[in-house]
Amino acid sequence: MTYAVIGGGNTGQAIAGYLRLKEESVKLYTRDPNKAQRISKQGLEVKGIYSGKVILEASTSMDEVISDAKFIIISTTAMGHETIVKQIKPILKDNQTIVFFPGYWGALECKRILGEHLIKNKNITVAETSAMPFVSIADNAGSVFINKIKHNVLISTLCEENPIALSFMNRFPQLILGNSVFETSLNNSNVVIHPPITLFNAARIDASEAFQFYTDGASPFSVNYVEKMDIERLQIASRLKVNTQSILTVLNEFYDTGYPTLYEALPGLFPTGLAPTTLDYRYMTEDIPFGLVPISELGKILGVETPYTDSIISAASLLMDSDYRKEGISFKGLTKESLLSMSVV
C-alpha cells in the first residue's frame, strides 16, 4: 500500500520510518525544506524497538506527497489539523483514507471542512485514533528513536459505511476498532494529565528549570486533581453512551502494566520524561483548546458540571493571556439529541 505521512516531527518520522522498515511505499510531508532535503538525501535511521536505516522520500509539496497515497496519515499537532485539511481538500483523490494520529476531534473537524458532499462523492474514509502508535523522539539529525509501542489504541471512522481497511489494521497491530470518533477523542489520555501538572509547575517551567515532568512534577495533590478531571470526562462519556475507561486503566492497557494507582503509574511509566522549558508548549496550547475545551463544551450541552476542567481552562487562559475557549473545539449549534445521534457510528 502507499502511505503519505503529514508532519515531520517525532511521530511523523517514527510512523514513516516504521512503515519503510515494513517495506511499504511512503512519502513524508514537512514544511521544513532543510529537513525534507536531508531525509531524502541521507535517509532515516530508526532506533529502539525497531531499527534499521531506511530510504525515505520527503517533500514540502503536499500534492507530491498525497497524490498517489491510499492512506493519508496526519500526525501534526491538533493546531495544524484545520490548515492541513484545507490544504489537501482540493487535491484529494477518490477512495483515499485520512487518519489522524491522534484524533483530538480531528475527524469531526475534517468533516466540517471537507463537507459531507465531498466525502460521499469521493468516497473518502475519515478516521482518527485515541493516541499515537509509539512513544518516540527524533533528533532532527537523521535519527528517530522509538522506545515504546502503545497497545490497545482505539481507531474509529466517521461512519460505518466507510470502515478502516483491513490492510491498515494489519500494518498497525496495536490498533483496535472503536465505535465512534467520540470514543477515540474522549479516550485521549493526554488531555487530563498534561495541563494540570503543567499549570501546577508553571513557575518551574517558566524559569526553564530542568526537572522530570512526572517523577518530580506529579505530586499527590496534582494527581488527585487529574483524577477529579477524569471523573468529569467519564461522566460526559456516559451521557453520550460512549465506552471509556479511567486514565489509569488506559495507561495500563497501553503499556501492558498493572500499576494500582495513577500516582505510581505516571513516574513508573515515564521515569525520564523531562518537563518542557516553556509554557508555550503543546501541553497547554494543544491539550487545553483541543482536549479540555471540548470536554467542557460537551458538559454544557449535556448538563454535566465540569468545575475541575473549567478551572484549568480559565487559569491557563489568564496565565497565558490567551482565549483557549475561542481557539478550541466548540460544538456550536449542536444539541444533546444531535450529539447522541453522532456519538454512535
C-alpha atoms as a PDB file:
ATOM      1  CA  MET A   1       0.000   0.000   0.000  1.00  0.00           C
ATOM      2  CA  THR A   2       1.032   3.619  -0.456  1.00  0.00           C
ATOM      3  CA  TYR A   3       1.158   5.971   2.507  1.00  0.00           C
ATOM      4  CA  ALA A   4       1.506   9.724   2.901  1.00  0.00           C
ATOM      5  CA  VAL A   5       2.625  10.873   6.346  1.00  0.00           C
ATOM      6  CA  ILE A   6       1.855  14.525   7.035  1.00  0.00           C
ATOM      7  CA  GLY A   7       4.108  16.041   9.698  1.00  0.00           C
ATOM      8  CA  GLY A   8       7.853  15.706  10.072  1.00  0.00           C
ATOM      9  CA  GLY A   9       8.016  15.762  13.872  1.00  0.00           C
ATOM     10  CA  ASN A  10       8.617  12.924  16.321  1.00  0.00           C
ATOM     11  CA  THR A  11       5.505  10.923  15.482  1.00  0.00           C
ATOM     12  CA  GLY A  12       5.601  11.563  11.747  1.00  0.00           C
ATOM     13  CA  GLN A  13       9.188  10.418  11.400  1.00  0.00           C
ATOM     14  CA  ALA A  14       8.545   7.396  13.620  1.00  0.00           C
ATOM     15  CA  ILE A  15       5.498   6.299  11.592  1.00  0.00           C
ATOM     16  CA  ALA A  16       7.233   6.898   8.255  1.00  0.00           C
ATOM     17  CA  GLY A  17      10.354   5.055   9.401  1.00  0.00           C
ATOM     18  CA  TYR A  18       8.332   2.134  10.739  1.00  0.00           C
ATOM     19  CA  LEU A  19       6.360   1.840   7.505  1.00  0.00           C
ATOM     20  CA  ARG A  20       9.515   1.861   5.391  1.00  0.00           C
ATOM     21  CA  LEU A  21      11.023  -0.864   7.581  1.00  0.00           C
ATOM     22  CA  LYS A  22       7.904  -2.861   6.736  1.00  0.00           C
ATOM     23  CA  GLU A  23       8.685  -2.206   3.053  1.00  0.00           C
ATOM     24  CA  GLU A  24       5.666  -0.008   2.454  1.00  0.00           C
ATOM     25  CA  SER A  25       5.714   2.838  -0.075  1.00  0.00           C
ATOM     26  CA  VAL A  26       5.854   6.068   1.942  1.00  0.00           C
ATOM     27  CA  LYS A  27       6.258   9.783   1.335  1.00  0.00           C
ATOM     28  CA  LEU A  28       6.723  12.256   4.197  1.00  0.00           C
ATOM     29  CA  TYR A  29       5.468  15.848   4.165  1.00  0.00           C
ATOM     30  CA  THR A  30       7.263  18.518   6.166  1.00  0.00           C
ATOM     31  CA  ARG A  31       7.156  22.306   5.985  1.00  0.00           C
ATOM     32  CA  ASP A  32      10.909  22.430   6.601  1.00  0.00           C
ATOM     33  CA  PRO A  33      12.810  22.352   3.281  1.00  0.00           C
ATOM     34  CA  ASN A  34      16.118  21.582   5.011  1.00  0.00           C
ATOM     35  CA  LYS A  35      14.594  18.587   6.791  1.00  0.00           C
ATOM     36  CA  ALA A  36      12.989  17.368   3.566  1.00  0.00           C
ATOM     37  CA  GLN A  37      16.302  17.624   1.710  1.00  0.00           C
ATOM     38  CA  ARG A  38      18.272  15.919   4.485  1.00  0.00           C
ATOM     39  CA  ILE A  39      15.883  12.979   4.846  1.00  0.00           C
ATOM     40  CA  SER A  40      15.568  12.492   1.088  1.00  0.00           C
ATOM     41  CA  LYS A  41      19.334  12.515   0.607  1.00  0.00           C
ATOM     42  CA  GLN A  42      20.543  10.748   3.745  1.00  0.00           C
ATOM     43  CA  GLY A  43      17.577   8.574   4.678  1.00  0.00           C
ATOM     44  CA  LEU A  44      16.348   8.000   8.213  1.00  0.00           C
ATOM     45  CA  GLU A  45      17.937   5.892  10.941  1.00  0.00           C
ATOM     46  CA  VAL A  46      15.285   4.144  13.041  1.00  0.00           C
ATOM     47  CA  LYS A  47      16.474   3.114  16.508  1.00  0.00           C
ATOM     48  CA  GLY A  48      14.974   1.452  19.551  1.00  0.00           C
ATOM     49  CA  ILE A  49      12.283  -1.215  19.382  1.00  0.00           C
ATOM     50  CA  TYR A  50      12.523  -1.109  15.594  1.00  0.00           C
ATOM     51  CA  SER A  51      15.888  -0.496  13.992  1.00  0.00           C
ATOM     52  CA  GLY A  52      17.384  -0.006  10.580  1.00  0.00           C
ATOM     53  CA  LYS A  53      18.350   2.607   8.018  1.00  0.00           C
ATOM     54  CA  VAL A  54      15.599   3.417   5.533  1.00  0.00           C
ATOM     55  CA  ILE A  55      15.439   5.353   2.307  1.00  0.00           C
ATOM     56  CA  LEU A  56      12.579   7.818   2.580  1.00  0.00           C
ATOM     57  CA  GLU A  57      11.280  10.461   0.206  1.00  0.00           C
ATOM     58  CA  ALA A  58      10.380  13.710   1.985  1.00  0.00           C
ATOM     59  CA  SER A  59       8.940  16.818   0.397  1.00  0.00           C
ATOM     60  CA  THR A  60       7.454  20.242   1.096  1.00  0.00           C
ATOM     61  CA  SER A  61       4.941  19.700  -1.710  1.00  0.00           C
ATOM     62  CA  MET A  62       1.638  18.431  -0.366  1.00  0.00           C
ATOM     63  CA  ASP A  63       0.390  17.486  -3.827  1.00  0.00           C
ATOM     64  CA  GLU A  64       3.518  15.423  -4.485  1.00  0.00           C
ATOM     65  CA  VAL A  65       3.194  13.591  -1.172  1.00  0.00           C
ATOM     66  CA  ILE A  66      -0.501  12.650  -1.229  1.00  0.00           C
ATOM     67  CA  SER A  67      -1.228  12.278  -4.957  1.00  0.00           C
ATOM     68  CA  ASP A  68      -0.659   8.500  -5.109  1.00  0.00           C
ATOM     69  CA  ALA A  69      -1.408   7.664  -1.472  1.00  0.00           C
ATOM     70  CA  LYS A  70      -4.116   5.249  -0.423  1.00  0.00           C
ATOM     71  CA  PHE A  71      -3.666   6.265   3.223  1.00  0.00           C
ATOM     72  CA  ILE A  72      -3.003   9.835   4.380  1.00  0.00           C
ATOM     73  CA  ILE A  73      -1.777   9.868   7.972  1.00  0.00           C
ATOM     74  CA  ILE A  74      -1.940  13.286   9.646  1.00  0.00           C
ATOM     75  CA  SER A  75       0.483  13.373  12.585  1.00  0.00           C
ATOM     76  CA  THR A  76       0.754  17.120  13.173  1.00  0.00           C
ATOM     77  CA  THR A  77      -0.346  18.784  16.386  1.00  0.00           C
ATOM     78  CA  ALA A  78      -4.068  19.465  16.660  1.00  0.00           C
ATOM     79  CA  MET A  79      -3.415  23.158  15.969  1.00  0.00           C
ATOM     80  CA  GLY A  80      -2.358  22.163  12.469  1.00  0.00           C
ATOM     81  CA  HIS A  81      -5.341  19.982  11.597  1.00  0.00           C
ATOM     82  CA  GLU A  82      -7.502  22.734  10.114  1.00  0.00           C
ATOM     83  CA  THR A  83      -4.688  24.110   7.964  1.00  0.00           C
ATOM     84  CA  ILE A  84      -3.711  20.665   6.687  1.00  0.00           C
ATOM     85  CA  VAL A  85      -7.271  19.620   5.833  1.00  0.00           C
ATOM     86  CA  LYS A  86      -7.879  22.877   3.964  1.00  0.00           C
ATOM     87  CA  GLN A  87      -4.617  22.304   2.105  1.00  0.00           C
ATOM     88  CA  ILE A  88      -5.454  18.772   0.984  1.00  0.00           C
ATOM     89  CA  LYS A  89      -9.154  19.402   0.252  1.00  0.00           C
ATOM     90  CA  PRO A  90      -8.727  20.484  -3.403  1.00  0.00           C
ATOM     91  CA  ILE A  91      -6.252  17.710  -4.246  1.00  0.00           C
ATOM     92  CA  LEU A  92      -7.912  14.682  -2.664  1.00  0.00           C
ATOM     93  CA  LYS A  93      -8.466  11.708  -4.952  1.00  0.00           C
ATOM     94  CA  ASP A  94     -11.289   9.173  -4.928  1.00  0.00           C
ATOM     95  CA  ASN A  95     -11.165   6.382  -2.330  1.00  0.00           C
ATOM     96  CA  GLN A  96      -8.414   7.870  -0.168  1.00  0.00           C
ATOM     97  CA  THR A  97      -8.342   7.374   3.605  1.00  0.00           C
ATOM     98  CA  ILE A  98      -7.415  10.124   6.063  1.00  0.00           C
ATOM     99  CA  VAL A  99      -6.292   9.056   9.541  1.00  0.00           C
ATOM    100  CA  PHE A 100      -5.489  11.467  12.375  1.00  0.00           C
ATOM    101  CA  PHE A 101      -2.779  10.155  14.750  1.00  0.00           C
ATOM    102  CA  PRO A 102      -4.061  11.020  17.365  1.00  0.00           C
ATOM    103  CA  GLY A 103      -7.564  12.416  16.940  1.00  0.00           C
ATOM    104  CA  TYR A 104      -8.103  15.468  19.148  1.00  0.00           C
ATOM    105  CA  TRP A 105     -11.512  15.677  17.385  1.00  0.00           C
ATOM    106  CA  GLY A 106      -9.696  15.826  14.051  1.00  0.00           C
ATOM    107  CA  ALA A 107     -12.231  13.601  12.263  1.00  0.00           C
ATOM    108  CA  LEU A 108     -15.152  15.903  13.110  1.00  0.00           C
ATOM    109  CA  GLU A 109     -13.097  18.952  12.111  1.00  0.00           C
ATOM    110  CA  CYS A 110     -12.257  17.209   8.845  1.00  0.00           C
ATOM    111  CA  LYS A 111     -15.945  16.562   8.183  1.00  0.00           C
ATOM    112  CA  ARG A 112     -16.749  20.216   8.854  1.00  0.00           C
ATOM    113  CA  ILE A 113     -14.066  21.446   6.441  1.00  0.00           C
ATOM    114  CA  LEU A 114     -14.452  18.882   3.642  1.00  0.00           C
ATOM    115  CA  GLY A 115     -18.228  18.727   3.837  1.00  0.00           C
ATOM    116  CA  GLU A 116     -20.412  15.641   3.595  1.00  0.00           C
ATOM    117  CA  HIS A 117     -20.869  16.101  -0.162  1.00  0.00           C
ATOM    118  CA  LEU A 118     -17.144  15.818  -0.973  1.00  0.00           C
ATOM    119  CA  ILE A 119     -16.636  12.939   1.454  1.00  0.00           C
ATOM    120  CA  LYS A 120     -19.503  10.994  -0.112  1.00  0.00           C
ATOM    121  CA  ASN A 121     -18.735  11.795  -3.753  1.00  0.00           C
ATOM    122  CA  LYS A 122     -15.035  10.964  -3.480  1.00  0.00           C
ATOM    123  CA  ASN A 123     -15.683   8.051  -1.114  1.00  0.00           C
ATOM    124  CA  ILE A 124     -13.223   9.431   1.451  1.00  0.00           C
ATOM    125  CA  THR A 125     -12.774   7.449   4.661  1.00  0.00           C
ATOM    126  CA  VAL A 126     -12.013   9.681   7.651  1.00  0.00           C
ATOM    127  CA  ALA A 127     -10.656   8.079  10.820  1.00  0.00           C
ATOM    128  CA  GLU A 128      -8.820   9.002  13.994  1.00  0.00           C
ATOM    129  CA  THR A 129      -7.024   7.244  16.832  1.00  0.00           C
ATOM    130  CA  SER A 130      -7.099   7.784  20.564  1.00  0.00           C
ATOM    131  CA  ALA A 131      -3.313   8.015  20.836  1.00  0.00           C
ATOM    132  CA  MET A 132      -0.042   7.930  18.960  1.00  0.00           C
ATOM    133  CA  PRO A 133       1.091   4.422  17.999  1.00  0.00           C
ATOM    134  CA  PHE A 134       4.536   4.859  19.530  1.00  0.00           C
ATOM    135  CA  VAL A 135       6.440   6.873  22.097  1.00  0.00           C
ATOM    136  CA  SER A 136       9.241   8.346  20.020  1.00  0.00           C
ATOM    137  CA  ILE A 137      11.674  11.208  19.666  1.00  0.00           C
ATOM    138  CA  ALA A 138      13.519  12.461  16.593  1.00  0.00           C
ATOM    139  CA  ASP A 139      16.897  14.152  16.929  1.00  0.00           C
ATOM    140  CA  ASN A 140      16.466  16.188  13.717  1.00  0.00           C
ATOM    141  CA  ALA A 141      19.888  14.986  12.616  1.00  0.00           C
ATOM    142  CA  GLY A 142      18.794  11.882  10.787  1.00  0.00           C
ATOM    143  CA  SER A 143      17.563   9.535  13.528  1.00  0.00           C
ATOM    144  CA  VAL A 144      14.281   8.722  15.245  1.00  0.00           C
ATOM    145  CA  PHE A 145      14.158   6.628  18.423  1.00  0.00           C
ATOM    146  CA  ILE A 146      11.061   4.509  19.119  1.00  0.00           C
ATOM    147  CA  ASN A 147      11.229   3.484  22.765  1.00  0.00           C
ATOM    148  CA  LYS A 148       7.681   2.217  23.411  1.00  0.00           C
ATOM    149  CA  ILE A 149       4.847   0.692  21.423  1.00  0.00           C
ATOM    150  CA  LYS A 150       1.377   1.527  22.664  1.00  0.00           C
ATOM    151  CA  HIS A 151      -1.171  -1.289  22.748  1.00  0.00           C
ATOM    152  CA  ASN A 152      -4.967  -1.208  22.527  1.00  0.00           C
ATOM    153  CA  VAL A 153      -5.056   2.141  20.732  1.00  0.00           C
ATOM    154  CA  LEU A 154      -8.578   2.880  19.534  1.00  0.00           C
ATOM    155  CA  ILE A 155      -9.356   3.779  15.930  1.00  0.00           C
ATOM    156  CA  SER A 156     -12.770   4.877  14.669  1.00  0.00           C
ATOM    157  CA  THR A 157     -14.224   6.211  11.424  1.00  0.00           C
ATOM    158  CA  LEU A 158     -16.848   8.862  10.831  1.00  0.00           C
ATOM    159  CA  CYS A 159     -19.408   6.378   9.501  1.00  0.00           C
ATOM    160  CA  GLU A 160     -19.825   2.641   9.301  1.00  0.00           C
ATOM    161  CA  GLU A 161     -20.268   2.822   5.510  1.00  0.00           C
ATOM    162  CA  ASN A 162     -16.568   3.704   5.283  1.00  0.00           C
ATOM    163  CA  PRO A 163     -14.697   1.347   7.632  1.00  0.00           C
ATOM    164  CA  ILE A 164     -10.945   1.396   8.007  1.00  0.00           C
ATOM    165  CA  ALA A 165      -9.219  -1.001   5.626  1.00  0.00           C
ATOM    166  CA  LEU A 166      -8.096  -4.352   7.000  1.00  0.00           C
ATOM    167  CA  SER A 167      -4.655  -3.803   5.459  1.00  0.00           C
ATOM    168  CA  PHE A 168      -4.226  -0.674   7.605  1.00  0.00           C
ATOM    169  CA  MET A 169      -5.253  -2.537  10.748  1.00  0.00           C
ATOM    170  CA  ASN A 170      -2.810  -5.322   9.935  1.00  0.00           C
ATOM    171  CA  ARG A 171       0.025  -2.854   9.435  1.00  0.00           C
ATOM    172  CA  PHE A 172      -0.665  -1.276  12.845  1.00  0.00           C
ATOM    173  CA  PRO A 173      -1.498  -4.292  15.034  1.00  0.00           C
ATOM    174  CA  GLN A 174      -1.727  -2.136  18.177  1.00  0.00           C
ATOM    175  CA  LEU A 175      -4.983  -0.656  16.849  1.00  0.00           C
ATOM    176  CA  ILE A 176      -8.382  -1.889  17.965  1.00  0.00           C
ATOM    177  CA  LEU A 177     -11.695  -0.799  16.483  1.00  0.00           C
ATOM    178  CA  GLY A 178     -13.728   1.749  18.411  1.00  0.00           C
ATOM    179  CA  ASN A 179     -17.400   2.570  17.984  1.00  0.00           C
ATOM    180  CA  SER A 180     -17.180   6.267  17.088  1.00  0.00           C
ATOM    181  CA  VAL A 181     -14.857   9.242  16.851  1.00  0.00           C
ATOM    182  CA  PHE A 182     -16.356  10.450  20.119  1.00  0.00           C
ATOM    183  CA  GLU A 183     -14.932   7.329  21.724  1.00  0.00           C
ATOM    184  CA  THR A 184     -11.446   7.928  20.307  1.00  0.00           C
ATOM    185  CA  SER A 185     -11.241  11.601  21.238  1.00  0.00           C
ATOM    186  CA  LEU A 186     -12.733  11.122  24.694  1.00  0.00           C
ATOM    187  CA  ASN A 187     -10.196   8.360  25.396  1.00  0.00           C
ATOM    188  CA  ASN A 188      -7.188  10.592  24.727  1.00  0.00           C
ATOM    189  CA  SER A 189      -5.197  10.277  27.952  1.00  0.00           C
ATOM    190  CA  ASN A 190      -3.010  13.332  27.356  1.00  0.00           C
ATOM    191  CA  VAL A 191      -5.664  15.945  27.862  1.00  0.00           C
ATOM    192  CA  VAL A 192      -6.460  15.330  31.524  1.00  0.00           C
ATOM    193  CA  ILE A 193      -2.839  14.637  32.533  1.00  0.00           C
ATOM    194  CA  HIS A 194      -0.653  17.247  30.872  1.00  0.00           C
ATOM    195  CA  PRO A 195      -2.452  20.566  31.573  1.00  0.00           C
ATOM    196  CA  PRO A 196      -2.918  20.353  35.363  1.00  0.00           C
ATOM    197  CA  ILE A 197       0.611  19.080  36.016  1.00  0.00           C
ATOM    198  CA  THR A 198       1.973  21.808  33.736  1.00  0.00           C
ATOM    199  CA  LEU A 199      -0.088  24.516  35.401  1.00  0.00           C
ATOM    200  CA  PHE A 200       0.819  23.402  38.924  1.00  0.00           C
ATOM    201  CA  ASN A 201       4.504  23.556  37.923  1.00  0.00           C
ATOM    202  CA  ALA A 202       4.179  26.791  35.950  1.00  0.00           C
ATOM    203  CA  ALA A 203       6.829  28.771  37.866  1.00  0.00           C
ATOM    204  CA  ARG A 204       9.427  25.997  37.408  1.00  0.00           C
ATOM    205  CA  ILE A 205       8.667  25.670  33.712  1.00  0.00           C
ATOM    206  CA  ASP A 206       8.597  29.421  33.150  1.00  0.00           C
ATOM    207  CA  ALA A 207      12.054  29.604  34.739  1.00  0.00           C
ATOM    208  CA  SER A 208      13.246  26.804  32.394  1.00  0.00           C
ATOM    209  CA  GLU A 209      14.111  24.639  35.389  1.00  0.00           C
ATOM    210  CA  ALA A 210      15.238  21.153  34.459  1.00  0.00           C
ATOM    211  CA  PHE A 211      13.106  18.507  36.167  1.00  0.00           C
ATOM    212  CA  GLN A 212      11.384  15.211  35.380  1.00  0.00           C
ATOM    213  CA  PHE A 213       7.801  16.026  34.463  1.00  0.00           C
ATOM    214  CA  TYR A 214       6.177  13.030  36.125  1.00  0.00           C
ATOM    215  CA  THR A 215       8.768  11.912  38.677  1.00  0.00           C
ATOM    216  CA  ASP A 216       9.292  15.400  40.107  1.00  0.00           C
ATOM    217  CA  GLY A 217       6.229  17.292  38.869  1.00  0.00           C
ATOM    218  CA  ALA A 218       3.362  14.916  39.674  1.00  0.00           C
ATOM    219  CA  SER A 219       2.602  15.338  43.378  1.00  0.00           C
ATOM    220  CA  PRO A 220      -0.177  13.538  45.285  1.00  0.00           C
ATOM    221  CA  PHE A 221      -2.344  16.674  45.180  1.00  0.00           C
ATOM    222  CA  SER A 222      -1.816  17.297  41.453  1.00  0.00           C
ATOM    223  CA  VAL A 223      -2.549  13.658  40.564  1.00  0.00           C
ATOM    224  CA  ASN A 224      -5.678  13.802  42.737  1.00  0.00           C
ATOM    225  CA  TYR A 225      -6.753  16.803  40.678  1.00  0.00           C
ATOM    226  CA  VAL A 226      -6.118  14.851  37.469  1.00  0.00           C
ATOM    227  CA  GLU A 227      -8.375  12.086  38.769  1.00  0.00           C
ATOM    228  CA  LYS A 228     -11.154  14.606  39.534  1.00  0.00           C
ATOM    229  CA  MET A 229     -10.926  15.855  35.944  1.00  0.00           C
ATOM    230  CA  ASP A 230     -11.008  12.271  34.741  1.00  0.00           C
ATOM    231  CA  ILE A 231     -14.290  11.689  36.586  1.00  0.00           C
ATOM    232  CA  GLU A 232     -15.795  14.612  34.645  1.00  0.00           C
ATOM    233  CA  ARG A 233     -14.584  13.097  31.363  1.00  0.00           C
ATOM    234  CA  LEU A 234     -16.096   9.720  32.291  1.00  0.00           C
ATOM    235  CA  GLN A 235     -19.444  11.314  33.200  1.00  0.00           C
ATOM    236  CA  ILE A 236     -19.651  13.029  29.817  1.00  0.00           C
ATOM    237  CA  ALA A 237     -18.797   9.804  28.015  1.00  0.00           C
ATOM    238  CA  SER A 238     -21.502   8.010  29.979  1.00  0.00           C
ATOM    239  CA  ARG A 239     -24.103  10.582  28.929  1.00  0.00           C
ATOM    240  CA  LEU A 240     -23.063  10.054  25.297  1.00  0.00           C
ATOM    241  CA  LYS A 241     -23.171   6.256  25.745  1.00  0.00           C
ATOM    242  CA  VAL A 242     -19.502   6.144  24.744  1.00  0.00           C
ATOM    243  CA  ASN A 243     -17.219   3.392  26.046  1.00  0.00           C
ATOM    244  CA  THR A 244     -14.469   4.824  28.220  1.00  0.00           C
ATOM    245  CA  GLN A 245     -12.106   3.716  30.934  1.00  0.00           C
ATOM    246  CA  SER A 246     -10.252   5.558  33.647  1.00  0.00           C
ATOM    247  CA  ILE A 247      -6.946   7.119  32.646  1.00  0.00           C
ATOM    248  CA  LEU A 248      -5.158   4.618  34.881  1.00  0.00           C
ATOM    249  CA  THR A 249      -6.767   1.715  33.009  1.00  0.00           C
ATOM    250  CA  VAL A 250      -5.991   3.311  29.637  1.00  0.00           C
ATOM    251  CA  LEU A 251      -2.307   3.698  30.545  1.00  0.00           C
ATOM    252  CA  ASN A 252      -2.029   0.173  31.938  1.00  0.00           C
ATOM    253  CA  GLU A 253      -3.548  -1.208  28.733  1.00  0.00           C
ATOM    254  CA  PHE A 254      -1.333   0.953  26.510  1.00  0.00           C
ATOM    255  CA  TYR A 255       1.828  -0.392  28.092  1.00  0.00           C
ATOM    256  CA  ASP A 256       0.679  -3.795  29.395  1.00  0.00           C
ATOM    257  CA  THR A 257       1.328  -2.862  33.019  1.00  0.00           C
ATOM    258  CA  GLY A 258      -0.605  -3.233  36.262  1.00  0.00           C
ATOM    259  CA  TYR A 259       0.009  -0.119  38.325  1.00  0.00           C
ATOM    260  CA  PRO A 260      -2.513   0.123  41.172  1.00  0.00           C
ATOM    261  CA  THR A 261      -2.648   3.936  41.278  1.00  0.00           C
ATOM    262  CA  LEU A 262      -2.162   6.784  38.834  1.00  0.00           C
ATOM    263  CA  TYR A 263       0.353   8.368  41.214  1.00  0.00           C
ATOM    264  CA  GLU A 264       2.531   5.278  40.848  1.00  0.00           C
ATOM    265  CA  ALA A 265       1.840   4.793  37.135  1.00  0.00           C
ATOM    266  CA  LEU A 266       2.990   8.190  35.856  1.00  0.00           C
ATOM    267  CA  PRO A 267       6.584   8.139  37.158  1.00  0.00           C
ATOM    268  CA  GLY A 268       6.755   4.378  36.680  1.00  0.00           C
ATOM    269  CA  LEU A 269       5.862   4.565  33.005  1.00  0.00           C
ATOM    270  CA  PHE A 270       7.747   7.783  32.240  1.00  0.00           C
ATOM    271  CA  PRO A 271      10.692   7.992  34.654  1.00  0.00           C
ATOM    272  CA  THR A 272      12.907  10.092  32.383  1.00  0.00           C
ATOM    273  CA  GLY A 273      10.465  12.439  30.683  1.00  0.00           C
ATOM    274  CA  LEU A 274      11.849  15.943  31.012  1.00  0.00           C
ATOM    275  CA  ALA A 275       9.421  18.798  31.614  1.00  0.00           C
ATOM    276  CA  PRO A 276       9.056  21.429  28.896  1.00  0.00           C
ATOM    277  CA  THR A 277      11.192  24.524  29.338  1.00  0.00           C
ATOM    278  CA  THR A 278       8.454  26.910  28.221  1.00  0.00           C
ATOM    279  CA  LEU A 279       4.751  27.252  28.914  1.00  0.00           C
ATOM    280  CA  ASP A 280       4.196  27.891  25.215  1.00  0.00           C
ATOM    281  CA  TYR A 281       4.125  24.151  24.674  1.00  0.00           C
ATOM    282  CA  ARG A 282       1.608  21.608  23.408  1.00  0.00           C
ATOM    283  CA  TYR A 283       0.683  20.543  26.957  1.00  0.00           C
ATOM    284  CA  MET A 284      -1.042  23.936  27.115  1.00  0.00           C
ATOM    285  CA  THR A 285      -1.528  25.065  23.503  1.00  0.00           C
ATOM    286  CA  GLU A 286      -2.857  21.724  22.222  1.00  0.00           C
ATOM    287  CA  ASP A 287      -4.236  19.758  25.162  1.00  0.00           C
ATOM    288  CA  ILE A 288      -6.361  22.604  26.510  1.00  0.00           C
ATOM    289  CA  PRO A 289      -8.136  24.041  23.421  1.00  0.00           C
ATOM    290  CA  PHE A 290      -8.405  20.705  21.604  1.00  0.00           C
ATOM    291  CA  GLY A 291      -8.762  18.451  24.635  1.00  0.00           C
ATOM    292  CA  LEU A 292     -10.210  20.148  27.692  1.00  0.00           C
ATOM    293  CA  VAL A 293     -12.344  22.759  25.941  1.00  0.00           C
ATOM    294  CA  PRO A 294     -14.324  20.083  24.039  1.00  0.00           C
ATOM    295  CA  ILE A 295     -14.924  18.225  27.311  1.00  0.00           C
ATOM    296  CA  SER A 296     -16.169  21.414  28.946  1.00  0.00           C
ATOM    297  CA  GLU A 297     -18.350  22.368  25.977  1.00  0.00           C
ATOM    298  CA  LEU A 298     -19.864  18.904  25.836  1.00  0.00           C
ATOM    299  CA  GLY A 299     -20.592  19.202  29.550  1.00  0.00           C
ATOM    300  CA  LYS A 300     -22.542  22.407  28.963  1.00  0.00           C
ATOM    301  CA  ILE A 301     -24.684  20.793  26.278  1.00  0.00           C
ATOM    302  CA  LEU A 302     -25.231  17.562  28.212  1.00  0.00           C
ATOM    303  CA  GLY A 303     -25.831  19.159  31.599  1.00  0.00           C
ATOM    304  CA  VAL A 304     -22.673  17.771  33.229  1.00  0.00           C
ATOM    305  CA  GLU A 305     -20.815  20.120  35.541  1.00  0.00           C
ATOM    306  CA  THR A 306     -17.052  20.278  34.937  1.00  0.00           C
ATOM    307  CA  PRO A 307     -15.598  22.609  37.607  1.00  0.00           C
ATOM    308  CA  TYR A 308     -12.149  20.997  37.687  1.00  0.00           C
ATOM    309  CA  THR A 309     -11.784  21.098  33.902  1.00  0.00           C
ATOM    310  CA  ASP A 310     -13.187  24.630  33.684  1.00  0.00           C
ATOM    311  CA  SER A 311     -10.766  25.906  36.335  1.00  0.00           C
ATOM    312  CA  ILE A 312      -7.747  24.676  34.379  1.00  0.00           C
ATOM    313  CA  ILE A 313      -9.041  26.265  31.169  1.00  0.00           C
ATOM    314  CA  SER A 314      -9.693  29.600  32.881  1.00  0.00           C
ATOM    315  CA  ALA A 315      -6.453  29.725  34.862  1.00  0.00           C
ATOM    316  CA  ALA A 316      -4.326  28.727  31.878  1.00  0.00           C
ATOM    317  CA  SER A 317      -6.064  31.259  29.627  1.00  0.00           C
ATOM    318  CA  LEU A 318      -5.445  34.047  32.130  1.00  0.00           C
ATOM    319  CA  LEU A 319      -1.859  32.989  32.732  1.00  0.00           C
ATOM    320  CA  MET A 320      -1.018  32.766  29.030  1.00  0.00           C
ATOM    321  CA  ASP A 321      -3.095  35.797  28.018  1.00  0.00           C
ATOM    322  CA  SER A 322      -4.964  33.573  25.587  1.00  0.00           C
ATOM    323  CA  ASP A 323      -8.572  32.627  24.946  1.00  0.00           C
ATOM    324  CA  TYR A 324      -8.371  28.854  24.783  1.00  0.00           C
ATOM    325  CA  ARG A 325     -12.150  28.542  24.570  1.00  0.00           C
ATOM    326  CA  LYS A 326     -12.218  30.696  21.453  1.00  0.00           C
ATOM    327  CA  GLU A 327      -9.317  28.755  19.923  1.00  0.00           C
ATOM    328  CA  GLY A 328     -10.737  25.335  20.737  1.00  0.00           C
ATOM    329  CA  ILE A 329     -13.479  22.935  19.632  1.00  0.00           C
ATOM    330  CA  SER A 330     -16.917  24.361  20.464  1.00  0.00           C
ATOM    331  CA  PHE A 331     -19.694  22.057  19.065  1.00  0.00           C
ATOM    332  CA  LYS A 332     -21.574  25.268  18.322  1.00  0.00           C
ATOM    333  CA  GLY A 333     -25.179  24.720  17.280  1.00  0.00           C
ATOM    334  CA  LEU A 334     -25.321  21.110  18.424  1.00  0.00           C
ATOM    335  CA  THR A 335     -27.930  19.822  20.872  1.00  0.00           C
ATOM    336  CA  LYS A 336     -27.938  16.911  23.263  1.00  0.00           C
ATOM    337  CA  GLU A 337     -30.034  14.918  20.807  1.00  0.00           C
ATOM    338  CA  SER A 338     -27.742  15.609  17.855  1.00  0.00           C
ATOM    339  CA  LEU A 339     -24.674  14.701  19.913  1.00  0.00           C
ATOM    340  CA  LEU A 340     -26.253  11.403  20.933  1.00  0.00           C
ATOM    341  CA  SER A 341     -27.011  10.576  17.315  1.00  0.00           C
ATOM    342  CA  MET A 342     -23.428  11.415  16.281  1.00  0.00           C
ATOM    343  CA  SER A 343     -21.676   9.591  19.102  1.00  0.00           C
ATOM    344  CA  VAL A 344     -22.522   6.132  17.769  1.00  0.00           C
ATOM    345  CA  VAL A 345     -21.422   5.219  14.226  1.00  0.00           C
END
